[in-house]
Amino acid sequence: MKNKDNAEEMLLNNASLEELIKMKIEKEFMSELKKSKEKPVKKVYKEISEVPQDIIFSQKAVYRYYNRNSKCETFINGVQAEALTGIQNNIREKMLKGELSAFTTEDAYVKFEKAIV
């Protein structure tokens, strides 16, 4: 209602229609500019059962990798974790279903940490 009153007031003050249109376009542009500067909120999943299936073994997933031989711990992404499962299809399927969040290989322990979408 305030916007409508403002437009009527401008018309009564001999403001041209072109000026009103220009003001409206500028206002819309400024609101779009403000909206574009806002960063989108990213959702962080901590439980593998909540993560969408296509994200579990993607670049957006983070896994904790513990090397048993050198006793070192590092982080890997979902693509690398899927490669570590190798031919263990049952482990891959259980992880995709959200039933399993960790697995072991011959010399490593791999655990799901988080996924950021």
Protein backbone atom coordinates (compact mmCIF):
# COMPACT_ATOMS: atom_id res chain seq x y z
CA MET A 1 0.00 0.00 0.00
CA LYS A 2 2.86 2.35 0.81
CA ASN A 3 4.37 1.73 -2.62
CA LYS A 4 1.08 2.62 -4.31
CA ASP A 5 0.75 5.82 -2.28
CA ASN A 6 4.32 6.73 -3.17
CA ALA A 7 3.61 6.28 -6.89
CA GLU A 8 0.44 8.38 -6.65
CA GLU A 9 2.35 11.10 -4.81
CA MET A 10 5.03 11.12 -7.51
CA LEU A 11 2.36 11.46 -10.23
CA LEU A 12 0.75 14.33 -8.36
CA ASN A 13 4.14 16.06 -8.13
CA ASN A 14 4.40 16.10 -11.95
CA ALA A 15 6.82 13.16 -12.12
CA SER A 16 6.73 11.63 -15.56
CA LEU A 17 5.78 8.04 -16.18
CA GLU A 18 9.25 7.40 -17.58
CA GLU A 19 10.82 8.51 -14.30
CA LEU A 20 8.52 6.19 -12.36
CA ILE A 21 9.43 3.27 -14.60
CA LYS A 22 13.12 4.12 -14.28
CA MET A 23 12.82 4.22 -10.47
CA LYS A 24 11.04 0.86 -10.44
CA ILE A 25 13.69 -0.75 -12.65
CA GLU A 26 16.47 0.65 -10.45
CA LYS A 27 14.76 -0.68 -7.32
CA GLU A 28 14.37 -4.15 -8.88
CA PHE A 29 17.99 -4.09 -10.03
CA MET A 30 19.23 -3.17 -6.56
CA SER A 31 17.17 -5.96 -4.96
CA GLU A 32 18.51 -8.50 -7.49
CA LEU A 33 22.06 -7.28 -6.87
CA LYS A 34 21.60 -7.66 -3.13
CA LYS A 35 20.16 -11.15 -3.59
CA SER A 36 23.06 -12.21 -5.83
CA LYS A 37 25.65 -11.15 -3.24
CA GLU A 38 24.14 -13.41 -0.58
CA LYS A 39 25.96 -16.71 -0.39
CA PRO A 40 23.76 -19.79 -0.68
CA VAL A 41 23.47 -21.77 2.52
CA LYS A 42 25.21 -25.14 2.26
CA LYS A 43 23.76 -28.11 4.06
CA VAL A 44 26.16 -30.36 5.97
CA TYR A 45 25.24 -34.01 6.50
CA LYS A 46 27.01 -35.83 9.35
CA GLU A 47 25.07 -39.13 9.13
CA ILE A 48 25.50 -41.25 6.02
CA SER A 49 21.87 -42.41 6.22
CA GLU A 50 20.69 -38.81 5.60
CA VAL A 51 22.92 -38.18 2.57
CA PRO A 52 21.35 -38.50 -0.93
CA GLN A 53 22.72 -41.54 -2.77
CA ASP A 54 24.33 -39.59 -5.59
CA ILE A 55 26.39 -37.56 -3.08
CA ILE A 56 27.83 -40.46 -1.02
CA PHE A 57 30.61 -41.28 -3.50
CA SER A 58 31.14 -37.79 -4.98
CA GLN A 59 33.55 -34.88 -4.58
CA LYS A 60 31.15 -33.39 -2.00
CA ALA A 61 31.64 -36.24 0.49
CA VAL A 62 34.54 -36.32 2.95
CA TYR A 63 35.95 -39.53 4.44
CA ARG A 64 38.53 -40.03 7.18
CA TYR A 65 41.33 -42.32 5.97
CA TYR A 66 43.54 -44.02 8.58
CA ASN A 67 46.61 -45.84 7.26
CA ARG A 68 47.36 -48.80 9.52
CA ASN A 69 50.96 -49.18 8.38
CA SER A 70 52.19 -45.63 8.86
CA LYS A 71 49.61 -44.74 11.55
CA CYS A 72 48.73 -41.56 9.64
CA GLU A 73 45.31 -40.05 9.28
CA THR A 74 44.12 -37.93 6.36
CA PHE A 75 40.92 -36.98 4.54
CA ILE A 76 39.78 -38.18 1.13
CA ASN A 77 36.74 -37.46 -1.01
CA GLY A 78 33.95 -39.84 -2.01
CA VAL A 79 35.46 -40.71 -5.39
CA GLN A 80 38.67 -41.87 -3.72
CA ALA A 81 36.71 -43.78 -1.08
CA GLU A 82 34.71 -45.59 -3.75
CA ALA A 83 37.95 -46.55 -5.49
CA LEU A 84 39.21 -48.02 -2.20
CA THR A 85 36.18 -50.32 -1.96
CA GLY A 86 37.51 -52.06 -5.07
CA ILE A 87 35.50 -55.15 -5.90
CA GLN A 88 33.69 -55.21 -2.55
CA ASN A 89 30.26 -54.55 -4.08
CA ASN A 90 28.35 -55.51 -0.94
CA ILE A 91 30.14 -52.75 1.03
CA ARG A 92 29.44 -50.21 -1.71
CA GLU A 93 25.74 -51.14 -1.78
CA LYS A 94 25.40 -50.98 2.01
CA MET A 95 27.02 -47.55 2.07
CA LEU A 96 24.69 -46.31 -0.66
CA LYS A 97 21.72 -47.52 1.39
CA GLY A 98 23.09 -45.76 4.47
CA GLU A 99 23.49 -48.97 6.48
CA LEU A 100 27.29 -48.78 6.74
CA SER A 101 29.45 -45.72 7.40
CA ALA A 102 32.93 -47.29 7.54
CA PHE A 103 34.92 -50.05 5.90
CA THR A 104 38.41 -51.51 6.01
CA THR A 105 40.90 -52.47 3.36
CA GLU A 106 44.11 -54.44 3.69
CA ASP A 107 46.07 -51.51 5.09
CA ALA A 108 43.49 -48.77 5.77
CA TYR A 109 40.38 -47.89 7.73
CA VAL A 110 37.94 -45.54 5.96
CA LYS A 111 35.05 -43.81 7.73
CA PHE A 112 32.41 -41.39 6.43
CA GLU A 113 32.92 -37.94 7.98
CA LYS A 114 30.49 -35.51 6.28
CA ALA A 115 28.94 -34.38 3.02
CA ILE A 116 28.42 -30.76 2.01
CA VAL A 117 25.63 -29.99 -0.44
